[in-house]
Amino acid sequence: MERDGQKYLGKYEPIISKKLFDEVQEMLVKKKHIKRQVIPFAFRGLLKCAKCGCQLTATLKKGRLVYYYCTNGKNICEEHKAYLKEEDLSKELSGVFNTLLFDEKIVDLVYRQKLKENQEASVYIDEAVAGLNARLKVLAERKRVLLDGYLDKIVMEADYRAKNKDIDNEVVVISKDLEELEIKKQSHDISTLERIKNCFLQPKQMKKDYLLSKPNEQRNTLATLLWNAEIDNKKIANLSFKQPYDALSKIENKSDFSSMRRGRDSNPRRVFTLTSFRD
């Protein structure tokens, strides 16, 4: 015992043993480091409230039922009172695929037409490349002859430099043309066309897998498609797709051939065009 900085020997019998005291202290230290169990709710983090913009969170009821509701972080929303069962939410979210589904026959028709166009374009590109390479050989021969003439003093230095510069400039232009043709040739490659075709058909298979999966696996599928989804009155109100699915979602008539072809020039910077395979 200690008093005024001076320690004194205690005269009273301890209420508990030293061993029990140490065990209690050890338990108290452990309790401070015990972490709360975090339940991995499948769809938390993917959903927002359409009315207030807050995230939807989830809770576990009766040890087995999962409900989602608005966090009402801004204290301006009544949606936090509307609880949505996870199984009902799962069914509602299966609808996100509907805006991405295309008629397989139309996709195949567009693919076959583009394949034919690509083959014709590849022939033209090969002919153009062959012509440019032949021109480079002619220019190389002219440079050699010009240099021989200059060294033999048949060609004056001023003429030599002017002619040589003209040849070099033409070589630069041809080299740039060859680079552009190579890029075009790669864009017309069959493997590229196959990948784009698969992008159009992939959502249908993704929906099938989604319907056969458990919520945690469904979340992985949705995370591939979506940035987030907004829920209003227990229904999907708005969807924010990732690319290239955002481009697919904007094609209005997915079973119409002309509709799929029409928008191919609308935004050439996208991974693939809105309404057709890459040109």
C-alpha atoms as a PDB file:
ATOM      1  CA  MET A   1       0.000   0.000   0.000  1.00  0.00           C
ATOM      2  CA  GLU A   2       1.252   3.546  -0.794  1.00  0.00           C
ATOM      3  CA  ARG A   3       0.537   6.864   0.976  1.00  0.00           C
ATOM      4  CA  ASP A   4       2.186  10.260   0.392  1.00  0.00           C
ATOM      5  CA  GLY A   5       4.834   8.579  -1.683  1.00  0.00           C
ATOM      6  CA  GLN A   6       5.716   6.169   1.093  1.00  0.00           C
ATOM      7  CA  LYS A   7       5.054   2.430   0.714  1.00  0.00           C
ATOM      8  CA  TYR A   8       3.726   0.434   3.727  1.00  0.00           C
ATOM      9  CA  LEU A   9       3.316  -3.257   4.250  1.00  0.00           C
ATOM     10  CA  GLY A  10      -0.382  -4.221   4.194  1.00  0.00           C
ATOM     11  CA  LYS A  11      -1.840  -5.798   7.292  1.00  0.00           C
ATOM     12  CA  TYR A  12      -5.118  -7.087   5.823  1.00  0.00           C
ATOM     13  CA  GLU A  13      -5.763 -10.451   4.233  1.00  0.00           C
ATOM     14  CA  PRO A  14      -6.325 -10.163   0.432  1.00  0.00           C
ATOM     15  CA  ILE A  15      -9.887 -10.771  -0.698  1.00  0.00           C
ATOM     16  CA  ILE A  16      -8.732 -12.665  -3.820  1.00  0.00           C
ATOM     17  CA  SER A  17      -5.559 -14.534  -4.612  1.00  0.00           C
ATOM     18  CA  LYS A  18      -2.744 -13.031  -6.647  1.00  0.00           C
ATOM     19  CA  LYS A  19      -3.334 -15.684  -9.325  1.00  0.00           C
ATOM     20  CA  LEU A  20      -7.003 -14.755  -9.700  1.00  0.00           C
ATOM     21  CA  PHE A  21      -6.111 -11.063  -9.839  1.00  0.00           C
ATOM     22  CA  ASP A  22      -3.635 -11.676 -12.677  1.00  0.00           C
ATOM     23  CA  GLU A  23      -6.159 -13.771 -14.603  1.00  0.00           C
ATOM     24  CA  VAL A  24      -8.776 -11.006 -14.355  1.00  0.00           C
ATOM     25  CA  GLN A  25      -6.271  -8.419 -15.577  1.00  0.00           C
ATOM     26  CA  GLU A  26      -5.388 -10.643 -18.515  1.00  0.00           C
ATOM     27  CA  MET A  27      -9.068 -10.998 -19.455  1.00  0.00           C
ATOM     28  CA  LEU A  28      -9.586  -7.236 -19.304  1.00  0.00           C
ATOM     29  CA  VAL A  29      -6.691  -6.669 -21.699  1.00  0.00           C
ATOM     30  CA  LYS A  30      -8.034  -9.271 -24.132  1.00  0.00           C
ATOM     31  CA  LYS A  31     -11.520  -7.733 -24.042  1.00  0.00           C
ATOM     32  CA  LYS A  32     -10.147  -4.414 -25.290  1.00  0.00           C
ATOM     33  CA  HIS A  33      -8.835  -6.116 -28.425  1.00  0.00           C
ATOM     34  CA  ILE A  34     -11.936  -8.137 -29.229  1.00  0.00           C
ATOM     35  CA  LYS A  35     -13.331  -6.954 -32.576  1.00  0.00           C
ATOM     36  CA  ARG A  36     -16.996  -6.859 -33.356  1.00  0.00           C
ATOM     37  CA  GLN A  37     -18.112  -9.540 -35.774  1.00  0.00           C
ATOM     38  CA  VAL A  38     -18.727  -8.050 -39.194  1.00  0.00           C
ATOM     39  CA  ILE A  39     -21.452  -9.763 -41.203  1.00  0.00           C
ATOM     40  CA  PRO A  40     -20.576  -9.779 -44.932  1.00  0.00           C
ATOM     41  CA  PHE A  41     -23.916  -8.575 -46.321  1.00  0.00           C
ATOM     42  CA  ALA A  42     -23.864  -9.377 -50.031  1.00  0.00           C
ATOM     43  CA  PHE A  43     -25.220  -6.162 -51.564  1.00  0.00           C
ATOM     44  CA  ARG A  44     -24.022  -3.559 -49.081  1.00  0.00           C
ATOM     45  CA  GLY A  45     -21.851  -0.944 -50.768  1.00  0.00           C
ATOM     46  CA  LEU A  46     -23.530  -1.357 -54.175  1.00  0.00           C
ATOM     47  CA  LEU A  47     -26.814   0.372 -53.386  1.00  0.00           C
ATOM     48  CA  LYS A  48     -27.905   3.954 -52.792  1.00  0.00           C
ATOM     49  CA  CYS A  49     -31.167   5.572 -51.827  1.00  0.00           C
ATOM     50  CA  ALA A  50     -32.651   7.382 -54.840  1.00  0.00           C
ATOM     51  CA  LYS A  51     -34.319  10.001 -52.628  1.00  0.00           C
ATOM     52  CA  CYS A  52     -31.415  11.163 -50.467  1.00  0.00           C
ATOM     53  CA  GLY A  53     -28.316   9.605 -52.048  1.00  0.00           C
ATOM     54  CA  CYS A  54     -27.241   7.806 -48.877  1.00  0.00           C
ATOM     55  CA  GLN A  55     -25.911   4.259 -48.911  1.00  0.00           C
ATOM     56  CA  LEU A  56     -28.168   1.331 -48.133  1.00  0.00           C
ATOM     57  CA  THR A  57     -27.030  -0.810 -45.241  1.00  0.00           C
ATOM     58  CA  ALA A  58     -28.282  -4.143 -43.935  1.00  0.00           C
ATOM     59  CA  THR A  59     -29.276  -5.850 -40.722  1.00  0.00           C
ATOM     60  CA  LEU A  60     -29.801  -9.432 -39.616  1.00  0.00           C
ATOM     61  CA  LYS A  61     -33.125 -10.339 -38.018  1.00  0.00           C
ATOM     62  CA  LYS A  62     -33.954 -13.559 -36.185  1.00  0.00           C
ATOM     63  CA  GLY A  63     -30.494 -14.837 -36.975  1.00  0.00           C
ATOM     64  CA  ARG A  64     -31.288 -15.618 -40.606  1.00  0.00           C
ATOM     65  CA  LEU A  65     -33.297 -12.876 -42.336  1.00  0.00           C
ATOM     66  CA  VAL A  66     -31.338 -10.060 -43.994  1.00  0.00           C
ATOM     67  CA  TYR A  67     -33.014  -6.696 -44.599  1.00  0.00           C
ATOM     68  CA  TYR A  68     -31.678  -3.631 -46.441  1.00  0.00           C
ATOM     69  CA  TYR A  69     -32.635  -0.042 -45.666  1.00  0.00           C
ATOM     70  CA  CYS A  70     -31.436   3.532 -46.160  1.00  0.00           C
ATOM     71  CA  THR A  71     -28.932   4.773 -43.575  1.00  0.00           C
ATOM     72  CA  ASN A  72     -30.653   8.201 -43.628  1.00  0.00           C
ATOM     73  CA  GLY A  73     -27.282   9.815 -42.993  1.00  0.00           C
ATOM     74  CA  LYS A  74     -28.668  13.259 -43.870  1.00  0.00           C
ATOM     75  CA  ASN A  75     -31.742  12.916 -41.621  1.00  0.00           C
ATOM     76  CA  ILE A  76     -34.030  13.997 -44.461  1.00  0.00           C
ATOM     77  CA  CYS A  77     -35.349  10.663 -45.723  1.00  0.00           C
ATOM     78  CA  GLU A  78     -38.169   8.344 -44.734  1.00  0.00           C
ATOM     79  CA  GLU A  79     -36.844   5.425 -46.776  1.00  0.00           C
ATOM     80  CA  HIS A  80     -34.925   4.119 -43.762  1.00  0.00           C
ATOM     81  CA  LYS A  81     -38.275   2.880 -42.474  1.00  0.00           C
ATOM     82  CA  ALA A  82     -38.809   0.697 -45.554  1.00  0.00           C
ATOM     83  CA  TYR A  83     -37.042  -2.637 -45.071  1.00  0.00           C
ATOM     84  CA  LEU A  84     -36.269  -4.717 -48.161  1.00  0.00           C
ATOM     85  CA  LYS A  85     -35.665  -8.465 -47.844  1.00  0.00           C
ATOM     86  CA  GLU A  86     -32.430  -9.707 -49.373  1.00  0.00           C
ATOM     87  CA  GLU A  87     -34.224 -12.334 -51.462  1.00  0.00           C
ATOM     88  CA  ASP A  88     -36.600  -9.679 -52.855  1.00  0.00           C
ATOM     89  CA  LEU A  89     -33.670  -7.370 -53.514  1.00  0.00           C
ATOM     90  CA  SER A  90     -31.847 -10.177 -55.323  1.00  0.00           C
ATOM     91  CA  LYS A  91     -34.834 -10.657 -57.648  1.00  0.00           C
ATOM     92  CA  GLU A  92     -35.107  -6.914 -58.241  1.00  0.00           C
ATOM     93  CA  LEU A  93     -31.403  -6.666 -59.100  1.00  0.00           C
ATOM     94  CA  SER A  94     -31.736  -9.442 -61.668  1.00  0.00           C
ATOM     95  CA  GLY A  95     -33.469  -6.813 -63.789  1.00  0.00           C
ATOM     96  CA  VAL A  96     -30.222  -4.891 -64.331  1.00  0.00           C
ATOM     97  CA  PHE A  97     -29.337  -7.327 -67.123  1.00  0.00           C
ATOM     98  CA  ASN A  98     -32.458  -6.565 -69.161  1.00  0.00           C
ATOM     99  CA  THR A  99     -31.024  -3.367 -70.668  1.00  0.00           C
ATOM    100  CA  LEU A 100     -27.945  -5.307 -71.819  1.00  0.00           C
ATOM    101  CA  LEU A 101     -29.563  -8.263 -73.576  1.00  0.00           C
ATOM    102  CA  PHE A 102     -29.354  -8.478 -77.374  1.00  0.00           C
ATOM    103  CA  ASP A 103     -31.034 -10.738 -79.885  1.00  0.00           C
ATOM    104  CA  GLU A 104     -28.376 -13.383 -80.607  1.00  0.00           C
ATOM    105  CA  LYS A 105     -29.478 -13.746 -84.238  1.00  0.00           C
ATOM    106  CA  ILE A 106     -29.060 -10.004 -84.823  1.00  0.00           C
ATOM    107  CA  VAL A 107     -25.646 -10.017 -83.149  1.00  0.00           C
ATOM    108  CA  ASP A 108     -24.545 -12.901 -85.369  1.00  0.00           C
ATOM    109  CA  LEU A 109     -25.898 -11.132 -88.461  1.00  0.00           C
ATOM    110  CA  VAL A 110     -23.971  -7.948 -87.651  1.00  0.00           C
ATOM    111  CA  TYR A 111     -20.870 -10.036 -86.893  1.00  0.00           C
ATOM    112  CA  ARG A 112     -21.015 -11.822 -90.260  1.00  0.00           C
ATOM    113  CA  GLN A 113     -21.473  -8.571 -92.163  1.00  0.00           C
ATOM    114  CA  LYS A 114     -18.611  -6.919 -90.289  1.00  0.00           C
ATOM    115  CA  LEU A 115     -16.460  -9.988 -90.889  1.00  0.00           C
ATOM    116  CA  LYS A 116     -17.038  -9.666 -94.622  1.00  0.00           C
ATOM    117  CA  GLU A 117     -16.292  -5.923 -94.514  1.00  0.00           C
ATOM    118  CA  ASN A 118     -13.129  -6.546 -92.501  1.00  0.00           C
ATOM    119  CA  GLN A 119     -11.888  -9.127 -94.986  1.00  0.00           C
ATOM    120  CA  GLU A 120     -12.428  -6.704 -97.873  1.00  0.00           C
ATOM    121  CA  ALA A 121     -10.733  -3.919 -95.912  1.00  0.00           C
ATOM    122  CA  SER A 122      -7.782  -6.179 -95.081  1.00  0.00           C
ATOM    123  CA  VAL A 123      -7.215  -6.861 -98.794  1.00  0.00           C
ATOM    124  CA  TYR A 124      -7.209  -3.129 -99.526  1.00  0.00           C
ATOM    125  CA  ILE A 125      -4.831  -2.444 -96.609  1.00  0.00           C
ATOM    126  CA  ASP A 126      -2.425  -5.181 -97.724  1.00  0.00           C
ATOM    127  CA  GLU A 127      -2.364  -3.732-101.248  1.00  0.00           C
ATOM    128  CA  ALA A 128      -1.750  -0.235 -99.896  1.00  0.00           C
ATOM    129  CA  VAL A 129       1.065  -1.450 -97.623  1.00  0.00           C
ATOM    130  CA  ALA A 130       2.694  -3.314-100.525  1.00  0.00           C
ATOM    131  CA  GLY A 131       2.524  -0.172-102.675  1.00  0.00           C
ATOM    132  CA  LEU A 132       4.077   2.025-100.001  1.00  0.00           C
ATOM    133  CA  ASN A 133       6.867  -0.450 -99.309  1.00  0.00           C
ATOM    134  CA  ALA A 134       7.624  -0.584-103.033  1.00  0.00           C
ATOM    135  CA  ARG A 135       7.822   3.210-103.069  1.00  0.00           C
ATOM    136  CA  LEU A 136      10.281   3.119-100.140  1.00  0.00           C
ATOM    137  CA  LYS A 137      12.543   0.816-102.140  1.00  0.00           C
ATOM    138  CA  VAL A 138      12.431   3.240-105.091  1.00  0.00           C
ATOM    139  CA  LEU A 139      13.338   6.153-102.810  1.00  0.00           C
ATOM    140  CA  ALA A 140      16.186   4.207-101.248  1.00  0.00           C
ATOM    141  CA  GLU A 141      17.576   3.505-104.725  1.00  0.00           C
ATOM    142  CA  ARG A 142      17.250   7.201-105.658  1.00  0.00           C
ATOM    143  CA  LYS A 143      19.182   8.202-102.525  1.00  0.00           C
ATOM    144  CA  ARG A 144      21.952   5.773-103.502  1.00  0.00           C
ATOM    145  CA  VAL A 145      22.128   7.087-107.073  1.00  0.00           C
ATOM    146  CA  LEU A 146      22.003  10.675-105.846  1.00  0.00           C
ATOM    147  CA  LEU A 147      24.853  10.050-103.428  1.00  0.00           C
ATOM    148  CA  ASP A 148      26.948   8.394-106.140  1.00  0.00           C
ATOM    149  CA  GLY A 149      26.363  11.392-108.384  1.00  0.00           C
ATOM    150  CA  TYR A 150      27.377  13.770-105.636  1.00  0.00           C
ATOM    151  CA  LEU A 151      30.534  11.792-104.800  1.00  0.00           C
ATOM    152  CA  ASP A 152      31.444  11.644-108.500  1.00  0.00           C
ATOM    153  CA  LYS A 153      30.887  15.406-108.670  1.00  0.00           C
ATOM    154  CA  ILE A 154      28.192  14.972-111.285  1.00  0.00           C
ATOM    155  CA  VAL A 155      25.580  16.491-108.955  1.00  0.00           C
ATOM    156  CA  MET A 156      26.267  19.851-107.333  1.00  0.00           C
ATOM    157  CA  GLU A 157      26.186  19.973-103.525  1.00  0.00           C
ATOM    158  CA  ALA A 158      23.213  22.370-103.395  1.00  0.00           C
ATOM    159  CA  ASP A 159      21.192  20.123-105.726  1.00  0.00           C
ATOM    160  CA  TYR A 160      22.228  17.037-103.777  1.00  0.00           C
ATOM    161  CA  ARG A 161      21.103  18.485-100.453  1.00  0.00           C
ATOM    162  CA  ALA A 162      17.772  19.728-101.859  1.00  0.00           C
ATOM    163  CA  LYS A 163      16.964  16.417-103.588  1.00  0.00           C
ATOM    164  CA  ASN A 164      18.047  14.384-100.565  1.00  0.00           C
ATOM    165  CA  LYS A 165      15.828  16.469 -98.298  1.00  0.00           C
ATOM    166  CA  ASP A 166      12.824  15.921-100.571  1.00  0.00           C
ATOM    167  CA  ILE A 167      13.409  12.164-100.476  1.00  0.00           C
ATOM    168  CA  ASP A 168      13.740  12.146 -96.684  1.00  0.00           C
ATOM    169  CA  ASN A 169      10.508  14.113 -96.302  1.00  0.00           C
ATOM    170  CA  GLU A 170       8.640  11.659 -98.527  1.00  0.00           C
ATOM    171  CA  VAL A 171      10.027   8.728 -96.508  1.00  0.00           C
ATOM    172  CA  VAL A 172       8.688  10.316 -93.313  1.00  0.00           C
ATOM    173  CA  VAL A 173       5.221  10.731 -94.827  1.00  0.00           C
ATOM    174  CA  ILE A 174       5.168   7.133 -96.092  1.00  0.00           C
ATOM    175  CA  SER A 175       6.314   5.820 -92.701  1.00  0.00           C
ATOM    176  CA  LYS A 176       3.425   7.604 -90.991  1.00  0.00           C
ATOM    177  CA  ASP A 177       0.992   6.194 -93.554  1.00  0.00           C
ATOM    178  CA  LEU A 178       2.317   2.690 -92.874  1.00  0.00           C
ATOM    179  CA  GLU A 179       1.816   3.156 -89.122  1.00  0.00           C
ATOM    180  CA  GLU A 180      -1.799   4.250 -89.651  1.00  0.00           C
ATOM    181  CA  LEU A 181      -2.471   1.307 -91.940  1.00  0.00           C
ATOM    182  CA  GLU A 182      -1.036  -1.080 -89.348  1.00  0.00           C
ATOM    183  CA  ILE A 183      -3.421   0.333 -86.726  1.00  0.00           C
ATOM    184  CA  LYS A 184      -6.346  -0.101 -89.130  1.00  0.00           C
ATOM    185  CA  LYS A 185      -5.254  -3.639 -89.895  1.00  0.00           C
ATOM    186  CA  GLN A 186      -5.217  -4.528 -86.191  1.00  0.00           C
ATOM    187  CA  SER A 187      -8.709  -3.045 -85.750  1.00  0.00           C
ATOM    188  CA  HIS A 188      -9.937  -5.325 -88.541  1.00  0.00           C
ATOM    189  CA  ASP A 189      -8.382  -8.402 -86.984  1.00  0.00           C
ATOM    190  CA  ILE A 190     -10.805 -11.325 -86.589  1.00  0.00           C
ATOM    191  CA  SER A 191      -9.816 -11.912 -82.952  1.00  0.00           C
ATOM    192  CA  THR A 192     -10.764  -8.303 -82.140  1.00  0.00           C
ATOM    193  CA  LEU A 193     -14.124  -8.814 -83.822  1.00  0.00           C
ATOM    194  CA  GLU A 194     -14.664 -12.021 -81.851  1.00  0.00           C
ATOM    195  CA  ARG A 195     -14.001 -10.258 -78.544  1.00  0.00           C
ATOM    196  CA  ILE A 196     -16.480  -7.519 -79.392  1.00  0.00           C
ATOM    197  CA  LYS A 197     -19.105 -10.080 -80.391  1.00  0.00           C
ATOM    198  CA  ASN A 198     -18.621 -11.822 -77.043  1.00  0.00           C
ATOM    199  CA  CYS A 199     -19.142  -8.502 -75.236  1.00  0.00           C
ATOM    200  CA  PHE A 200     -22.597  -8.265 -76.789  1.00  0.00           C
ATOM    201  CA  LEU A 201     -23.489 -11.836 -75.853  1.00  0.00           C
ATOM    202  CA  GLN A 202     -21.854 -11.948 -72.403  1.00  0.00           C
ATOM    203  CA  PRO A 203     -24.688 -10.302 -70.389  1.00  0.00           C
ATOM    204  CA  LYS A 204     -27.099 -13.108 -71.281  1.00  0.00           C
ATOM    205  CA  GLN A 205     -24.783 -15.717 -69.789  1.00  0.00           C
ATOM    206  CA  MET A 206     -24.076 -13.463 -66.815  1.00  0.00           C
ATOM    207  CA  LYS A 207     -27.790 -13.283 -66.056  1.00  0.00           C
ATOM    208  CA  LYS A 208     -28.096 -17.083 -66.194  1.00  0.00           C
ATOM    209  CA  ASP A 209     -25.174 -17.447 -63.779  1.00  0.00           C
ATOM    210  CA  TYR A 210     -26.626 -14.749 -61.522  1.00  0.00           C
ATOM    211  CA  LEU A 211     -29.983 -16.514 -61.182  1.00  0.00           C
ATOM    212  CA  LEU A 212     -28.245 -19.754 -60.188  1.00  0.00           C
ATOM    213  CA  SER A 213     -25.862 -18.138 -57.697  1.00  0.00           C
ATOM    214  CA  LYS A 214     -25.996 -17.291 -54.014  1.00  0.00           C
ATOM    215  CA  PRO A 215     -26.082 -13.615 -52.926  1.00  0.00           C
ATOM    216  CA  ASN A 216     -22.316 -13.337 -52.354  1.00  0.00           C
ATOM    217  CA  GLU A 217     -21.617 -14.679 -55.848  1.00  0.00           C
ATOM    218  CA  GLN A 218     -24.352 -12.446 -57.262  1.00  0.00           C
ATOM    219  CA  ARG A 219     -22.560  -9.463 -55.760  1.00  0.00           C
ATOM    220  CA  ASN A 220     -19.384 -10.330 -57.701  1.00  0.00           C
ATOM    221  CA  THR A 221     -21.367 -10.398 -60.936  1.00  0.00           C
ATOM    222  CA  LEU A 222     -23.047  -7.073 -60.197  1.00  0.00           C
ATOM    223  CA  ALA A 223     -19.734  -5.491 -59.224  1.00  0.00           C
ATOM    224  CA  THR A 224     -18.465  -6.319 -62.720  1.00  0.00           C
ATOM    225  CA  LEU A 225     -21.408  -4.478 -64.288  1.00  0.00           C
ATOM    226  CA  LEU A 226     -22.270  -1.603 -61.978  1.00  0.00           C
ATOM    227  CA  TRP A 227     -20.801   1.371 -60.210  1.00  0.00           C
ATOM    228  CA  ASN A 228     -23.975   1.484 -58.122  1.00  0.00           C
ATOM    229  CA  ALA A 229     -27.750   1.142 -58.226  1.00  0.00           C
ATOM    230  CA  GLU A 230     -30.331   3.517 -56.740  1.00  0.00           C
ATOM    231  CA  ILE A 231     -33.356   2.088 -54.956  1.00  0.00           C
ATOM    232  CA  ASP A 232     -36.672   3.919 -54.536  1.00  0.00           C
ATOM    233  CA  ASN A 233     -39.682   2.362 -52.832  1.00  0.00           C
ATOM    234  CA  LYS A 234     -37.993  -1.050 -52.957  1.00  0.00           C
ATOM    235  CA  LYS A 235     -37.509  -0.827 -56.730  1.00  0.00           C
ATOM    236  CA  ILE A 236     -34.537  -0.007 -58.944  1.00  0.00           C
ATOM    237  CA  ALA A 237     -34.760   3.655 -59.898  1.00  0.00           C
ATOM    238  CA  ASN A 238     -31.404   4.313 -61.592  1.00  0.00           C
ATOM    239  CA  LEU A 239     -28.386   2.310 -62.668  1.00  0.00           C
ATOM    240  CA  SER A 240     -24.801   3.409 -63.236  1.00  0.00           C
ATOM    241  CA  PHE A 241     -23.008   0.906 -65.500  1.00  0.00           C
ATOM    242  CA  LYS A 242     -19.292   0.468 -65.981  1.00  0.00           C
ATOM    243  CA  GLN A 243     -17.811   0.393 -69.477  1.00  0.00           C
ATOM    244  CA  PRO A 244     -18.328  -1.272 -71.865  1.00  0.00           C
ATOM    245  CA  TYR A 245     -21.770  -2.102 -70.425  1.00  0.00           C
ATOM    246  CA  ASP A 246     -22.757   1.564 -70.218  1.00  0.00           C
ATOM    247  CA  ALA A 247     -22.373   1.774 -74.007  1.00  0.00           C
ATOM    248  CA  LEU A 248     -24.465  -1.368 -74.463  1.00  0.00           C
ATOM    249  CA  SER A 249     -27.223  -0.081 -72.204  1.00  0.00           C
ATOM    250  CA  LYS A 250     -27.719   3.017 -74.374  1.00  0.00           C
ATOM    251  CA  ILE A 251     -28.734   1.064 -77.480  1.00  0.00           C
ATOM    252  CA  GLU A 252     -32.506   1.428 -77.459  1.00  0.00           C
ATOM    253  CA  ASN A 253     -33.630  -1.341 -79.834  1.00  0.00           C
ATOM    254  CA  LYS A 254     -31.472  -4.383 -79.214  1.00  0.00           C
ATOM    255  CA  SER A 255     -33.329  -6.631 -81.648  1.00  0.00           C
ATOM    256  CA  ASP A 256     -33.177  -4.297 -84.647  1.00  0.00           C
ATOM    257  CA  PHE A 257     -30.342  -4.676 -87.171  1.00  0.00           C
ATOM    258  CA  SER A 258     -30.397  -1.080 -88.410  1.00  0.00           C
ATOM    259  CA  SER A 259     -30.403   0.230 -84.848  1.00  0.00           C
ATOM    260  CA  MET A 260     -27.279  -1.768 -84.036  1.00  0.00           C
ATOM    261  CA  ARG A 261     -25.546  -0.467 -87.169  1.00  0.00           C
ATOM    262  CA  ARG A 262     -26.694   3.144 -87.012  1.00  0.00           C
ATOM    263  CA  GLY A 263     -24.658   4.463 -84.105  1.00  0.00           C
ATOM    264  CA  ARG A 264     -21.241   3.101 -84.968  1.00  0.00           C
ATOM    265  CA  ASP A 265     -19.830   6.562 -85.740  1.00  0.00           C
ATOM    266  CA  SER A 266     -21.381   8.314 -82.737  1.00  0.00           C
ATOM    267  CA  ASN A 267     -18.411   7.917 -80.413  1.00  0.00           C
ATOM    268  CA  PRO A 268     -15.274   6.328 -81.888  1.00  0.00           C
ATOM    269  CA  ARG A 269     -13.303   6.779 -78.661  1.00  0.00           C
ATOM    270  CA  ARG A 270     -15.275   4.130 -76.770  1.00  0.00           C
ATOM    271  CA  VAL A 271     -14.024   0.606 -76.206  1.00  0.00           C
ATOM    272  CA  PHE A 272     -16.428  -0.351 -78.951  1.00  0.00           C
ATOM    273  CA  THR A 273     -19.131   1.691 -80.613  1.00  0.00           C
ATOM    274  CA  LEU A 274     -22.604   2.062 -79.205  1.00  0.00           C
ATOM    275  CA  THR A 275     -24.439   0.167 -81.894  1.00  0.00           C
ATOM    276  CA  SER A 276     -22.078  -1.964 -83.919  1.00  0.00           C
ATOM    277  CA  PHE A 277     -18.833  -3.850 -83.988  1.00  0.00           C
ATOM    278  CA  ARG A 278     -15.647  -1.843 -84.393  1.00  0.00           C
ATOM    279  CA  ASP A 279     -14.906  -0.514 -87.868  1.00  0.00           C
END
